[in-house]
Amino acid sequence: MGTHRESRELSPSTGLKDAVRSAVTVLDETGARYALCGGAALPVWGHERGTRDVDFIVATGPSDGMIERIVACLREIDAPDGGR
């Protein structure tokens, strides 16, 4: 996603939709149960707000390996921060 100081906030025209699509693809491929939340979810409720990130809530169990599968998929698509 980029750092602030010189970058502008993400909007649908500057890449937020692509970031959401990429994240949803990874989460779907891993079989994760998830929900989009934060500023990127506001348009669903009829509100717009600039945001620089995409937030998800992901359901995991203590030993289901979901986190490891998600991190591995993020690394495959070369996600920012290496999927961390």
N, C-alpha and C. Protein backbone atom coordinates (compact mmCIF):
# COMPACT_ATOMS: atom_id res chain seq x y z
N MET A 1 0.81 -1.16 0.00
CA MET A 1 0.00 0.00 0.00
C MET A 1 0.86 1.24 0.00
N GLY A 2 1.87 1.44 0.48
CA GLY A 2 2.56 2.71 0.41
C GLY A 2 2.60 3.41 1.76
N THR A 3 3.50 4.35 1.85
CA THR A 3 3.63 5.10 3.09
C THR A 3 3.03 6.46 2.91
N HIS A 4 2.72 7.12 4.04
CA HIS A 4 2.14 8.45 3.94
C HIS A 4 3.25 9.46 3.67
N ARG A 5 3.13 10.61 4.13
CA ARG A 5 4.01 11.75 3.90
C ARG A 5 3.84 12.26 2.47
N GLU A 6 4.08 11.45 1.47
CA GLU A 6 3.96 11.91 0.09
C GLU A 6 2.82 11.21 -0.65
N SER A 7 2.36 10.08 -0.13
CA SER A 7 1.30 9.37 -0.84
C SER A 7 -0.06 9.91 -0.45
N ARG A 8 -1.01 9.76 -1.35
CA ARG A 8 -2.37 10.18 -1.03
C ARG A 8 -3.16 8.98 -0.55
N GLU A 9 -4.27 9.23 0.07
CA GLU A 9 -5.10 8.14 0.56
C GLU A 9 -5.62 7.31 -0.60
N LEU A 10 -5.76 6.02 -0.36
CA LEU A 10 -6.30 5.15 -1.39
C LEU A 10 -7.77 5.43 -1.59
N SER A 11 -8.20 5.38 -2.79
CA SER A 11 -9.61 5.47 -3.12
C SER A 11 -9.86 4.43 -4.20
N PRO A 12 -11.11 4.18 -4.54
CA PRO A 12 -11.35 3.19 -5.59
C PRO A 12 -10.57 3.47 -6.87
N SER A 13 -10.31 4.73 -7.16
CA SER A 13 -9.59 5.05 -8.39
C SER A 13 -8.09 4.92 -8.25
N THR A 14 -7.56 4.78 -7.03
CA THR A 14 -6.11 4.68 -6.86
C THR A 14 -5.66 3.33 -6.33
N GLY A 15 -6.51 2.32 -6.38
CA GLY A 15 -6.03 0.99 -6.05
C GLY A 15 -6.72 0.26 -4.91
N LEU A 16 -7.60 0.88 -4.18
CA LEU A 16 -8.23 0.19 -3.07
C LEU A 16 -9.04 -1.01 -3.55
N LYS A 17 -9.76 -0.85 -4.64
CA LYS A 17 -10.54 -1.98 -5.17
C LYS A 17 -9.63 -3.15 -5.51
N ASP A 18 -8.48 -2.89 -6.11
CA ASP A 18 -7.55 -3.96 -6.44
C ASP A 18 -7.01 -4.63 -5.18
N ALA A 19 -6.74 -3.84 -4.15
CA ALA A 19 -6.24 -4.41 -2.89
C ALA A 19 -7.30 -5.31 -2.26
N VAL A 20 -8.55 -4.86 -2.27
CA VAL A 20 -9.63 -5.67 -1.72
C VAL A 20 -9.79 -6.96 -2.52
N ARG A 21 -9.78 -6.85 -3.84
CA ARG A 21 -9.91 -8.05 -4.68
C ARG A 21 -8.79 -9.05 -4.41
N SER A 22 -7.56 -8.56 -4.30
CA SER A 22 -6.43 -9.45 -4.03
C SER A 22 -6.58 -10.14 -2.69
N ALA A 23 -6.95 -9.38 -1.68
CA ALA A 23 -7.12 -9.96 -0.34
C ALA A 23 -8.25 -10.97 -0.33
N VAL A 24 -9.36 -10.65 -0.96
CA VAL A 24 -10.50 -11.57 -1.00
C VAL A 24 -10.12 -12.85 -1.75
N THR A 25 -9.37 -12.72 -2.81
CA THR A 25 -8.92 -13.91 -3.55
C THR A 25 -8.09 -14.82 -2.65
N VAL A 26 -7.15 -14.23 -1.92
CA VAL A 26 -6.31 -15.01 -1.01
C VAL A 26 -7.16 -15.68 0.07
N LEU A 27 -8.04 -14.91 0.68
CA LEU A 27 -8.88 -15.47 1.74
C LEU A 27 -9.79 -16.56 1.22
N ASP A 28 -10.36 -16.38 0.04
CA ASP A 28 -11.21 -17.42 -0.56
C ASP A 28 -10.41 -18.67 -0.86
N GLU A 29 -9.20 -18.51 -1.40
CA GLU A 29 -8.36 -19.65 -1.75
C GLU A 29 -7.97 -20.47 -0.52
N THR A 30 -7.85 -19.82 0.62
CA THR A 30 -7.47 -20.55 1.83
C THR A 30 -8.67 -21.12 2.56
N GLY A 31 -9.87 -20.76 2.12
CA GLY A 31 -11.07 -21.24 2.79
C GLY A 31 -11.40 -20.49 4.07
N ALA A 32 -10.81 -19.33 4.24
CA ALA A 32 -11.01 -18.55 5.46
C ALA A 32 -12.43 -18.01 5.55
N ARG A 33 -12.91 -17.88 6.77
CA ARG A 33 -14.15 -17.15 7.04
C ARG A 33 -13.71 -15.75 7.45
N TYR A 34 -14.24 -14.74 6.78
CA TYR A 34 -13.74 -13.38 7.02
C TYR A 34 -14.83 -12.35 6.81
N ALA A 35 -14.54 -11.13 7.28
CA ALA A 35 -15.44 -10.00 7.06
C ALA A 35 -14.57 -8.78 6.76
N LEU A 36 -14.97 -8.01 5.77
CA LEU A 36 -14.33 -6.73 5.47
C LEU A 36 -14.83 -5.73 6.51
N CYS A 37 -13.94 -4.94 7.06
CA CYS A 37 -14.33 -3.95 8.06
C CYS A 37 -13.53 -2.67 7.84
N GLY A 38 -13.70 -1.70 8.68
CA GLY A 38 -12.96 -0.45 8.57
C GLY A 38 -13.47 0.43 7.44
N GLY A 39 -12.65 1.40 7.04
CA GLY A 39 -13.05 2.39 6.04
C GLY A 39 -13.42 1.80 4.70
N ALA A 40 -12.80 0.70 4.30
CA ALA A 40 -13.11 0.09 3.00
C ALA A 40 -14.50 -0.52 2.99
N ALA A 41 -15.08 -0.80 4.16
CA ALA A 41 -16.41 -1.40 4.23
C ALA A 41 -17.52 -0.35 4.25
N LEU A 42 -17.20 0.90 4.49
CA LEU A 42 -18.22 1.93 4.63
C LEU A 42 -19.13 2.12 3.40
N PRO A 43 -18.63 1.98 2.17
CA PRO A 43 -19.53 2.15 1.02
C PRO A 43 -20.74 1.22 1.04
N VAL A 44 -20.60 0.06 1.68
CA VAL A 44 -21.73 -0.86 1.79
C VAL A 44 -22.88 -0.19 2.54
N TRP A 45 -22.55 0.71 3.46
CA TRP A 45 -23.55 1.41 4.27
C TRP A 45 -23.87 2.80 3.71
N GLY A 46 -23.37 3.10 2.52
CA GLY A 46 -23.67 4.36 1.88
C GLY A 46 -22.79 5.52 2.30
N HIS A 47 -21.65 5.23 2.90
CA HIS A 47 -20.73 6.28 3.34
C HIS A 47 -19.39 6.10 2.64
N GLU A 48 -18.73 7.18 2.35
CA GLU A 48 -17.39 7.13 1.75
C GLU A 48 -16.40 7.74 2.73
N ARG A 49 -15.23 7.17 2.81
CA ARG A 49 -14.16 7.73 3.62
C ARG A 49 -12.84 7.29 3.01
N GLY A 50 -11.95 8.22 2.81
CA GLY A 50 -10.63 7.86 2.29
C GLY A 50 -9.91 6.96 3.27
N THR A 51 -9.19 6.00 2.75
CA THR A 51 -8.45 5.08 3.61
C THR A 51 -7.17 4.67 2.89
N ARG A 52 -6.20 4.26 3.65
CA ARG A 52 -4.94 3.82 3.08
C ARG A 52 -4.68 2.35 3.30
N ASP A 53 -5.67 1.64 3.82
CA ASP A 53 -5.48 0.21 4.07
C ASP A 53 -6.80 -0.53 3.91
N VAL A 54 -6.70 -1.83 3.99
CA VAL A 54 -7.87 -2.70 3.91
C VAL A 54 -7.84 -3.57 5.16
N ASP A 55 -8.94 -3.58 5.89
CA ASP A 55 -9.01 -4.34 7.14
C ASP A 55 -9.99 -5.48 7.02
N PHE A 56 -9.58 -6.64 7.51
CA PHE A 56 -10.42 -7.82 7.54
C PHE A 56 -10.38 -8.42 8.94
N ILE A 57 -11.48 -9.03 9.33
CA ILE A 57 -11.52 -9.89 10.50
C ILE A 57 -11.53 -11.31 9.96
N VAL A 58 -10.61 -12.15 10.43
CA VAL A 58 -10.51 -13.52 9.94
C VAL A 58 -10.69 -14.48 11.11
N ALA A 59 -11.62 -15.43 10.97
CA ALA A 59 -11.84 -16.44 11.99
C ALA A 59 -10.78 -17.52 11.88
N THR A 60 -10.12 -17.79 12.98
CA THR A 60 -9.11 -18.85 13.02
C THR A 60 -9.30 -19.68 14.28
N GLY A 61 -8.80 -20.88 14.24
CA GLY A 61 -8.82 -21.75 15.41
C GLY A 61 -7.41 -21.92 15.93
N PRO A 62 -7.26 -22.49 17.11
CA PRO A 62 -5.93 -22.60 17.71
C PRO A 62 -4.94 -23.46 16.92
N SER A 63 -5.43 -24.42 16.16
CA SER A 63 -4.49 -25.29 15.46
C SER A 63 -4.94 -25.61 14.04
N ASP A 64 -5.71 -24.70 13.42
CA ASP A 64 -6.23 -25.02 12.09
C ASP A 64 -5.27 -24.64 10.96
N GLY A 65 -4.17 -23.96 11.27
CA GLY A 65 -3.18 -23.60 10.26
C GLY A 65 -3.62 -22.49 9.33
N MET A 66 -4.73 -21.83 9.62
CA MET A 66 -5.26 -20.79 8.73
C MET A 66 -4.28 -19.64 8.57
N ILE A 67 -3.70 -19.18 9.64
CA ILE A 67 -2.77 -18.04 9.55
C ILE A 67 -1.60 -18.39 8.63
N GLU A 68 -1.06 -19.57 8.79
CA GLU A 68 0.07 -19.98 7.95
C GLU A 68 -0.33 -20.06 6.49
N ARG A 69 -1.54 -20.57 6.19
CA ARG A 69 -2.00 -20.65 4.80
C ARG A 69 -2.19 -19.26 4.21
N ILE A 70 -2.75 -18.34 4.98
CA ILE A 70 -2.96 -16.98 4.50
C ILE A 70 -1.62 -16.31 4.23
N VAL A 71 -0.67 -16.42 5.15
CA VAL A 71 0.65 -15.81 4.96
C VAL A 71 1.34 -16.39 3.73
N ALA A 72 1.25 -17.70 3.53
CA ALA A 72 1.87 -18.32 2.36
C ALA A 72 1.26 -17.78 1.07
N CYS A 73 -0.06 -17.64 1.03
CA CYS A 73 -0.71 -17.10 -0.18
C CYS A 73 -0.32 -15.65 -0.41
N LEU A 74 -0.25 -14.85 0.65
CA LEU A 74 0.15 -13.45 0.49
C LEU A 74 1.56 -13.35 -0.05
N ARG A 75 2.44 -14.22 0.39
CA ARG A 75 3.81 -14.22 -0.11
C ARG A 75 3.86 -14.59 -1.58
N GLU A 76 2.98 -15.49 -2.00
CA GLU A 76 2.93 -15.89 -3.41
C GLU A 76 2.55 -14.74 -4.31
N ILE A 77 1.67 -13.87 -3.85
CA ILE A 77 1.27 -12.73 -4.68
C ILE A 77 2.12 -11.51 -4.41
N ASP A 78 3.16 -11.67 -3.60
CA ASP A 78 4.10 -10.59 -3.29
C ASP A 78 3.38 -9.40 -2.66
N ALA A 79 2.59 -9.69 -1.64
CA ALA A 79 1.84 -8.64 -0.94
C ALA A 79 2.79 -7.70 -0.21
N PRO A 80 2.37 -6.45 -0.04
CA PRO A 80 3.19 -5.50 0.74
C PRO A 80 3.47 -6.06 2.12
N ASP A 81 4.62 -5.81 2.65
CA ASP A 81 5.06 -6.27 3.97
C ASP A 81 5.25 -7.79 4.00
N GLY A 82 5.33 -8.44 2.86
CA GLY A 82 5.57 -9.87 2.81
C GLY A 82 4.50 -10.70 3.47
N GLY A 83 3.29 -10.16 3.57
CA GLY A 83 2.22 -10.91 4.19
C GLY A 83 2.26 -10.91 5.69
N ARG A 84 3.03 -10.00 6.28
CA ARG A 84 3.10 -9.96 7.75
C ARG A 84 2.01 -9.10 8.28
